[in-house]
PDB file of N, CA and C in Angstrom:
ATOM      1  N   MET A   1      31.812  17.737   5.161  1.00  0.00           N
ATOM      2  CA  MET A   1      31.061  18.197   4.941  1.00  0.00           C
ATOM      3  C   MET A   1      29.924  18.029   5.059  1.00  0.00           C
ATOM      4  N   PHE A   2      29.428  16.662   4.998  1.00  0.00           N
ATOM      5  CA  PHE A   2      28.524  15.321   5.043  1.00  0.00           C
ATOM      6  C   PHE A   2      28.346  15.397   7.361  1.00  0.00           C
ATOM      7  N   GLU A   3      29.122  15.286   7.195  1.00  0.00           N
ATOM      8  CA  GLU A   3      29.049  15.560   9.507  1.00  0.00           C
ATOM      9  C   GLU A   3      27.786  15.950   9.848  1.00  0.00           C
ATOM     10  N   THR A   4      27.097  17.525   8.765  1.00  0.00           N
ATOM     11  CA  THR A   4      26.784  17.799   9.355  1.00  0.00           C
ATOM     12  C   THR A   4      25.457  18.224   9.549  1.00  0.00           C
ATOM     13  N   LEU A   5      24.743  16.279   8.543  1.00  0.00           N
ATOM     14  CA  LEU A   5      23.875  16.072   7.383  1.00  0.00           C
ATOM     15  C   LEU A   5      22.975  15.501   9.117  1.00  0.00           C
ATOM     16  N   LEU A   6      21.916  15.457   9.368  1.00  0.00           N
ATOM     17  CA  LEU A   6      21.266  15.173  10.459  1.00  0.00           C
ATOM     18  C   LEU A   6      21.261  13.798   9.746  1.00  0.00           C
ATOM     19  N   GLU A   7      20.661  12.504  11.112  1.00  0.00           N
ATOM     20  CA  GLU A   7      20.851  11.653  11.050  1.00  0.00           C
ATOM     21  C   GLU A   7      20.123  10.991   9.892  1.00  0.00           C
ATOM     22  N   PRO A   8      18.846  11.105   9.505  1.00  0.00           N
ATOM     23  CA  PRO A   8      17.787  10.740   9.109  1.00  0.00           C
ATOM     24  C   PRO A   8      18.238  10.626   7.514  1.00  0.00           C
ATOM     25  N   TYR A   9      19.211  10.967   7.134  1.00  0.00           N
ATOM     26  CA  TYR A   9      19.455  11.723   5.504  1.00  0.00           C
ATOM     27  C   TYR A   9      20.873  10.602   5.316  1.00  0.00           C
ATOM     28  N   HIS A  10      21.275  10.561   6.357  1.00  0.00           N
ATOM     29  CA  HIS A  10      22.686   9.008   6.071  1.00  0.00           C
ATOM     30  C   HIS A  10      22.306   8.138   6.178  1.00  0.00           C
ATOM     31  N   GLU A  11      21.961   7.373   4.995  1.00  0.00           N
ATOM     32  CA  GLU A  11      21.498   5.636   4.322  1.00  0.00           C
ATOM     33  C   GLU A  11      22.319   5.057   3.354  1.00  0.00           C
ATOM     34  N   GLU A  12      22.515   4.256   3.557  1.00  0.00           N
ATOM     35  CA  GLU A  12      23.158   3.343   2.682  1.00  0.00           C
ATOM     36  C   GLU A  12      22.873   2.445   1.508  1.00  0.00           C
ATOM     37  N   LEU A  13      23.932   2.720   0.204  1.00  0.00           N
ATOM     38  CA  LEU A  13      23.016   2.101  -0.980  1.00  0.00           C
ATOM     39  C   LEU A  13      23.015   0.877  -1.474  1.00  0.00           C
ATOM     40  N   PRO A  14      22.381   0.215  -1.170  1.00  0.00           N
ATOM     41  CA  PRO A  14      22.353  -0.977  -1.397  1.00  0.00           C
ATOM     42  C   PRO A  14      23.603  -1.295  -2.354  1.00  0.00           C
ATOM     43  N   ASP A  15      23.936  -2.903  -1.909  1.00  0.00           N
ATOM     44  CA  ASP A  15      26.195  -2.712  -3.398  1.00  0.00           C
ATOM     45  C   ASP A  15      26.109  -3.104  -4.469  1.00  0.00           C
ATOM     46  N   GLU A  16      24.268  -3.524  -5.123  1.00  0.00           N
ATOM     47  CA  GLU A  16      24.017  -3.471  -6.732  1.00  0.00           C
ATOM     48  C   GLU A  16      23.751  -2.151  -7.004  1.00  0.00           C
ATOM     49  N   LEU A  17      23.549  -0.657  -6.836  1.00  0.00           N
ATOM     50  CA  LEU A  17      23.336   0.492  -6.833  1.00  0.00           C
ATOM     51  C   LEU A  17      24.559   0.735  -6.822  1.00  0.00           C
ATOM     52  N   GLN A  18      25.300   0.705  -5.523  1.00  0.00           N
ATOM     53  CA  GLN A  18      26.902   0.942  -5.927  1.00  0.00           C
ATOM     54  C   GLN A  18      27.813   0.817  -7.071  1.00  0.00           C
ATOM     55  N   LYS A  19      27.888  -0.140  -7.089  1.00  0.00           N
ATOM     56  CA  LYS A  19      28.575  -0.713  -8.509  1.00  0.00           C
ATOM     57  C   LYS A  19      27.941   0.053  -9.449  1.00  0.00           C
ATOM     58  N   ALA A  20      26.801   0.188  -9.387  1.00  0.00           N
ATOM     59  CA  ALA A  20      25.969   0.558 -11.778  1.00  0.00           C
ATOM     60  C   ALA A  20      26.253   2.064 -11.132  1.00  0.00           C
ATOM     61  N   PHE A  21      26.122   2.805  -9.353  1.00  0.00           N
ATOM     62  CA  PHE A  21      26.454   3.762 -10.082  1.00  0.00           C
ATOM     63  C   PHE A  21      27.689   4.213 -10.371  1.00  0.00           C
ATOM     64  N   GLY A  22      28.385   3.394  -9.730  1.00  0.00           N
ATOM     65  CA  GLY A  22      30.186   3.623  -9.705  1.00  0.00           C
ATOM     66  C   GLY A  22      30.375   3.668 -11.584  1.00  0.00           C
ATOM     67  N   GLY A  23      29.779   2.431 -11.905  1.00  0.00           N
ATOM     68  CA  GLY A  23      30.140   2.206 -13.619  1.00  0.00           C
ATOM     69  C   GLY A  23      29.258   2.962 -14.513  1.00  0.00           C
ATOM     70  N   TYR A  24      28.418   3.894 -14.068  1.00  0.00           N
ATOM     71  CA  TYR A  24      27.422   5.058 -14.718  1.00  0.00           C
ATOM     72  C   TYR A  24      28.905   5.872 -14.427  1.00  0.00           C
ATOM     73  N   MET A  25      29.322   6.554 -13.217  1.00  0.00           N
ATOM     74  CA  MET A  25      29.934   7.628 -13.359  1.00  0.00           C
ATOM     75  C   MET A  25      31.164   7.339 -13.919  1.00  0.00           C
ATOM     76  N   LYS A  26      31.922   6.297 -14.092  1.00  0.00           N
ATOM     77  CA  LYS A  26      33.163   6.600 -14.764  1.00  0.00           C
ATOM     78  C   LYS A  26      33.488   6.973 -16.104  1.00  0.00           C
ATOM     79  N   ASN A  27      32.287   6.384 -17.031  1.00  0.00           N
ATOM     80  CA  ASN A  27      31.524   6.886 -18.246  1.00  0.00           C
ATOM     81  C   ASN A  27      31.564   7.977 -18.348  1.00  0.00           C
ATOM     82  N   LEU A  28      30.859   8.971 -17.248  1.00  0.00           N
ATOM     83  CA  LEU A  28      30.872  10.380 -18.494  1.00  0.00           C
ATOM     84  C   LEU A  28      32.228  11.146 -18.020  1.00  0.00           C
ATOM     85  N   SER A  29      31.723  11.954 -18.991  1.00  0.00           N
ATOM     86  CA  SER A  29      33.114  12.875 -19.020  1.00  0.00           C
ATOM     87  C   SER A  29      33.260  13.709 -18.713  1.00  0.00           C
ATOM     88  N   VAL A  30      34.221  14.707 -18.600  1.00  0.00           N
ATOM     89  CA  VAL A  30      34.595  16.062 -17.444  1.00  0.00           C
ATOM     90  C   VAL A  30      33.970  16.699 -17.931  1.00  0.00           C
ATOM     91  N   GLU A  31      33.454  17.117 -18.566  1.00  0.00           N
ATOM     92  CA  GLU A  31      32.200  18.553 -18.658  1.00  0.00           C
ATOM     93  C   GLU A  31      31.416  17.889 -17.977  1.00  0.00           C
ATOM     94  N   LYS A  32      30.295  16.522 -17.774  1.00  0.00           N
ATOM     95  CA  LYS A  32      29.347  16.158 -17.804  1.00  0.00           C
ATOM     96  C   LYS A  32      29.112  15.986 -15.598  1.00  0.00           C
ATOM     97  N   LEU A  33      30.375  15.201 -15.867  1.00  0.00           N
ATOM     98  CA  LEU A  33      30.890  15.496 -14.371  1.00  0.00           C
ATOM     99  C   LEU A  33      31.164  16.529 -13.016  1.00  0.00           C
ATOM    100  N   SER A  34      31.764  17.576 -13.787  1.00  0.00           N
ATOM    101  CA  SER A  34      31.353  18.642 -13.122  1.00  0.00           C
ATOM    102  C   SER A  34      30.544  19.647 -13.346  1.00  0.00           C
ATOM    103  N   SER A  35      29.510  18.950 -14.583  1.00  0.00           N
ATOM    104  CA  SER A  35      28.190  20.334 -14.330  1.00  0.00           C
ATOM    105  C   SER A  35      27.630  19.247 -13.312  1.00  0.00           C
ATOM    106  N   LEU A  36      27.914  17.606 -13.047  1.00  0.00           N
ATOM    107  CA  LEU A  36      26.887  17.069 -11.784  1.00  0.00           C
ATOM    108  C   LEU A  36      27.738  17.574 -10.175  1.00  0.00           C
ATOM    109  N   VAL A  37      29.195  17.944 -10.060  1.00  0.00           N
ATOM    110  CA  VAL A  37      29.291  18.806  -8.785  1.00  0.00           C
ATOM    111  C   VAL A  37      28.712  19.701  -8.156  1.00  0.00           C
ATOM    112  N   GLU A  38      28.655  20.342  -9.795  1.00  0.00           N
ATOM    113  CA  GLU A  38      27.666  21.907  -9.476  1.00  0.00           C
ATOM    114  C   GLU A  38      26.416  21.555  -8.988  1.00  0.00           C
ATOM    115  N   VAL A  39      25.731  20.962  -9.528  1.00  0.00           N
ATOM    116  CA  VAL A  39      24.770  21.241  -8.954  1.00  0.00           C
ATOM    117  C   VAL A  39      24.662  19.956  -6.962  1.00  0.00           C
ATOM    118  N   MET A  40      25.321  19.383  -7.217  1.00  0.00           N
ATOM    119  CA  MET A  40      25.604  18.628  -5.974  1.00  0.00           C
ATOM    120  C   MET A  40      25.777  19.412  -4.726  1.00  0.00           C
ATOM    121  N   HIS A  41      26.569  20.691  -5.093  1.00  0.00           N
ATOM    122  CA  HIS A  41      27.214  21.536  -4.109  1.00  0.00           C
ATOM    123  C   HIS A  41      25.720  22.550  -4.356  1.00  0.00           C
ATOM    124  N   GLU A  42      25.117  22.913  -4.948  1.00  0.00           N
ATOM    125  CA  GLU A  42      24.154  24.432  -5.158  1.00  0.00           C
ATOM    126  C   GLU A  42      23.032  23.436  -4.066  1.00  0.00           C
ATOM    127  N   PHE A  43      23.325  22.327  -4.592  1.00  0.00           N
ATOM    128  CA  PHE A  43      22.219  21.767  -3.488  1.00  0.00           C
ATOM    129  C   PHE A  43      22.599  21.338  -1.677  1.00  0.00           C
ATOM    130  N   LEU A  44      23.321  20.795  -1.736  1.00  0.00           N
ATOM    131  CA  LEU A  44      24.416  20.851  -0.791  1.00  0.00           C
ATOM    132  C   LEU A  44      23.937  22.371  -0.151  1.00  0.00           C
ATOM    133  N   LEU A  45      23.874  23.448  -0.414  1.00  0.00           N
ATOM    134  CA  LEU A  45      24.363  25.157  -0.343  1.00  0.00           C
ATOM    135  C   LEU A  45      22.889  25.511  -0.345  1.00  0.00           C
ATOM    136  N   LEU A  46      22.166  24.568  -0.819  1.00  0.00           N
ATOM    137  CA  LEU A  46      20.564  25.915  -0.994  1.00  0.00           C
ATOM    138  C   LEU A  46      19.653  24.773  -0.110  1.00  0.00           C
ATOM    139  N   HIS A  47      19.878  23.730  -0.247  1.00  0.00           N
ATOM    140  CA  HIS A  47      18.483  22.573   0.650  1.00  0.00           C
ATOM    141  C   HIS A  47      19.210  22.246   1.837  1.00  0.00           C
ATOM    142  N   VAL A  48      20.334  21.245   1.947  1.00  0.00           N
ATOM    143  CA  VAL A  48      20.908  20.787   3.198  1.00  0.00           C
ATOM    144  C   VAL A  48      20.931  20.984   3.913  1.00  0.00           C
ATOM    145  N   ALA A  49      22.043  22.226   3.953  1.00  0.00           N
ATOM    146  CA  ALA A  49      22.897  23.579   4.600  1.00  0.00           C
ATOM    147  C   ALA A  49      21.601  24.028   5.225  1.00  0.00           C
ATOM    148  N   ARG A  50      20.638  24.409   4.970  1.00  0.00           N
ATOM    149  CA  ARG A  50      19.945  25.037   5.422  1.00  0.00           C
ATOM    150  C   ARG A  50      18.682  24.845   5.842  1.00  0.00           C
ATOM    151  N   ARG A  51      19.112  24.860   7.610  1.00  0.00           N
ATOM    152  CA  ARG A  51      18.048  23.919   8.582  1.00  0.00           C
ATOM    153  C   ARG A  51      16.586  24.588   8.282  1.00  0.00           C
ATOM    154  N   GLU A  52      15.652  23.551   8.143  1.00  0.00           N
ATOM    155  CA  GLU A  52      14.050  23.937   8.781  1.00  0.00           C
ATOM    156  C   GLU A  52      13.837  24.539   9.578  1.00  0.00           C
ATOM    157  N   ASN A  53      12.951  25.820   9.819  1.00  0.00           N
ATOM    158  CA  ASN A  53      12.363  25.989  10.547  1.00  0.00           C
ATOM    159  C   ASN A  53      11.166  25.107  11.041  1.00  0.00           C
ATOM    160  N   TRP A  54      11.242  24.333  12.236  1.00  0.00           N
ATOM    161  CA  TRP A  54       9.809  23.002  12.567  1.00  0.00           C
ATOM    162  C   TRP A  54       8.512  23.695  12.703  1.00  0.00           C
ATOM    163  N   GLU A  55       8.420  25.242  12.743  1.00  0.00           N
ATOM    164  CA  GLU A  55       7.620  25.472  13.248  1.00  0.00           C
ATOM    165  C   GLU A  55       6.660  26.831  12.769  1.00  0.00           C
ATOM    166  N   ASP A  56       7.638  26.465  10.984  1.00  0.00           N
ATOM    167  CA  ASP A  56       6.668  27.450  10.229  1.00  0.00           C
ATOM    168  C   ASP A  56       5.408  26.792   9.408  1.00  0.00           C
ATOM    169  N   GLU A  57       4.626  26.888   9.401  1.00  0.00           N
ATOM    170  CA  GLU A  57       3.210  26.819   8.513  1.00  0.00           C
ATOM    171  C   GLU A  57       3.446  25.883   7.212  1.00  0.00           C
ATOM    172  N   ASP A  58       4.729  26.532   6.767  1.00  0.00           N
ATOM    173  CA  ASP A  58       4.499  24.932   5.149  1.00  0.00           C
ATOM    174  C   ASP A  58       5.697  24.326   5.923  1.00  0.00           C
ATOM    175  N   TYR A  59       5.965  24.401   6.977  1.00  0.00           N
ATOM    176  CA  TYR A  59       7.128  22.790   7.124  1.00  0.00           C
ATOM    177  C   TYR A  59       6.672  21.521   6.818  1.00  0.00           C
ATOM    178  N   ARG A  60       7.576  21.149   5.298  1.00  0.00           N
ATOM    179  CA  ARG A  60       7.208  19.536   5.817  1.00  0.00           C
ATOM    180  C   ARG A  60       8.072  18.858   5.556  1.00  0.00           C
ATOM    181  N   ASP A  61       8.037  17.859   6.948  1.00  0.00           N
ATOM    182  CA  ASP A  61       9.032  16.741   6.885  1.00  0.00           C
ATOM    183  C   ASP A  61       9.361  15.887   6.086  1.00  0.00           C
ATOM    184  N   ASN A  62       9.988  15.842   5.251  1.00  0.00           N
ATOM    185  CA  ASN A  62      10.448  14.587   4.247  1.00  0.00           C
ATOM    186  C   ASN A  62      11.200  13.902   4.283  1.00  0.00           C
ATOM    187  N   THR A  63      11.895  13.350   5.288  1.00  0.00           N
ATOM    188  CA  THR A  63      12.879  12.622   5.700  1.00  0.00           C
ATOM    189  C   THR A  63      12.712  11.173   5.501  1.00  0.00           C
ATOM    190  N   ASN A  64      11.449  10.940   5.731  1.00  0.00           N
ATOM    191  CA  ASN A  64      11.246   9.755   4.791  1.00  0.00           C
ATOM    192  C   ASN A  64      10.348   9.174   3.850  1.00  0.00           C
ATOM    193  N   ASP A  65      10.332  10.396   3.171  1.00  0.00           N
ATOM    194  CA  ASP A  65      10.358  10.408   1.935  1.00  0.00           C
ATOM    195  C   ASP A  65      11.367   9.432   1.070  1.00  0.00           C
ATOM    196  N   LYS A  66      10.903   8.314   0.264  1.00  0.00           N
ATOM    197  CA  LYS A  66      11.802   7.685  -0.069  1.00  0.00           C
ATOM    198  C   LYS A  66      10.797   8.081  -2.293  1.00  0.00           C
TER     199      LYS A  66
END
């Protein structure tokens, strides 16, 4: 699924953050993991998979926002 994302959305996490995130995820309950997966799925369907029309007057390029 992530192959369809535009290149500006691909960014490697620093090693320190990857380790911290891995530890955090290992300690989550099944219910919380399920909720997280559901929210991520909705985000991907509603925001990332929908291509923006660059010609819309309300278009905002947020690829460099951090």
